[in-house]
Amino acid sequence: MEVPLWLALLVVGYLGIKLFRPPAWLIALLLLGGFLLADSTFAPAINGLIK
């Protein structure tokens, strides 16, 4: 069974928020930080570390 990545991330994010109840500012910081890093000059370096 193939699950789209966006659906898997949505489910994991929803469960993480429901189970761990992080503060809203931390969620916003992680989302904004990820968005900004993905479009920065560090993106190739991060991609190389992940793979």
Protein backbone atom coordinates (compact mmCIF):
# COMPACT_ATOMS: atom_id res chain seq x y z
CA MET A 1 0.00 0.00 0.00
CA GLU A 2 1.44 3.34 -1.05
CA VAL A 3 0.65 6.37 1.08
CA PRO A 4 1.39 9.87 -0.22
CA LEU A 5 4.07 11.71 1.76
CA TRP A 6 1.79 14.66 2.47
CA LEU A 7 -0.83 12.36 4.00
CA ALA A 8 1.72 10.56 6.16
CA LEU A 9 3.13 13.88 7.40
CA LEU A 10 -0.35 15.17 8.10
CA VAL A 11 -1.23 12.11 10.19
CA VAL A 12 2.07 12.14 12.10
CA GLY A 13 1.75 15.87 12.74
CA TYR A 14 -1.83 15.55 13.95
CA LEU A 15 -0.98 12.69 16.30
CA GLY A 16 2.10 14.51 17.57
CA ILE A 17 0.10 17.61 18.39
CA LYS A 18 -2.68 15.62 20.07
CA LEU A 19 -0.38 13.36 22.11
CA PHE A 20 2.44 15.72 23.12
CA ARG A 21 0.60 19.08 23.13
CA PRO A 22 3.54 21.34 22.21
CA PRO A 23 3.06 25.10 22.50
CA ALA A 24 1.71 26.88 19.42
CA TRP A 25 4.83 29.06 19.10
CA LEU A 26 7.00 25.93 18.81
CA ILE A 27 4.84 24.52 16.02
CA ALA A 28 4.94 27.84 14.16
CA LEU A 29 8.72 28.09 14.66
CA LEU A 30 9.32 24.59 13.26
CA LEU A 31 7.07 25.17 10.25
CA LEU A 32 8.56 28.58 9.46
CA GLY A 33 12.12 27.37 10.03
CA GLY A 34 11.63 24.37 7.76
CA PHE A 35 10.10 26.54 5.06
CA LEU A 36 12.94 29.06 5.21
CA LEU A 37 15.68 26.40 5.29
CA ALA A 38 14.21 24.61 2.28
CA ASP A 39 14.66 27.75 0.17
CA SER A 40 18.09 28.75 1.49
CA THR A 41 21.63 28.12 0.37
CA PHE A 42 21.91 25.49 3.12
CA ALA A 43 19.33 23.24 1.41
CA PRO A 44 21.90 21.20 -0.61
CA ALA A 45 24.01 20.65 2.53
CA ILE A 46 21.00 19.53 4.55
CA ASN A 47 19.90 17.28 1.70
CA GLY A 48 23.34 15.72 1.61
CA LEU A 49 23.26 15.05 5.35
CA ILE A 50 19.83 13.47 5.19
CA LYS A 51 20.65 11.16 2.30
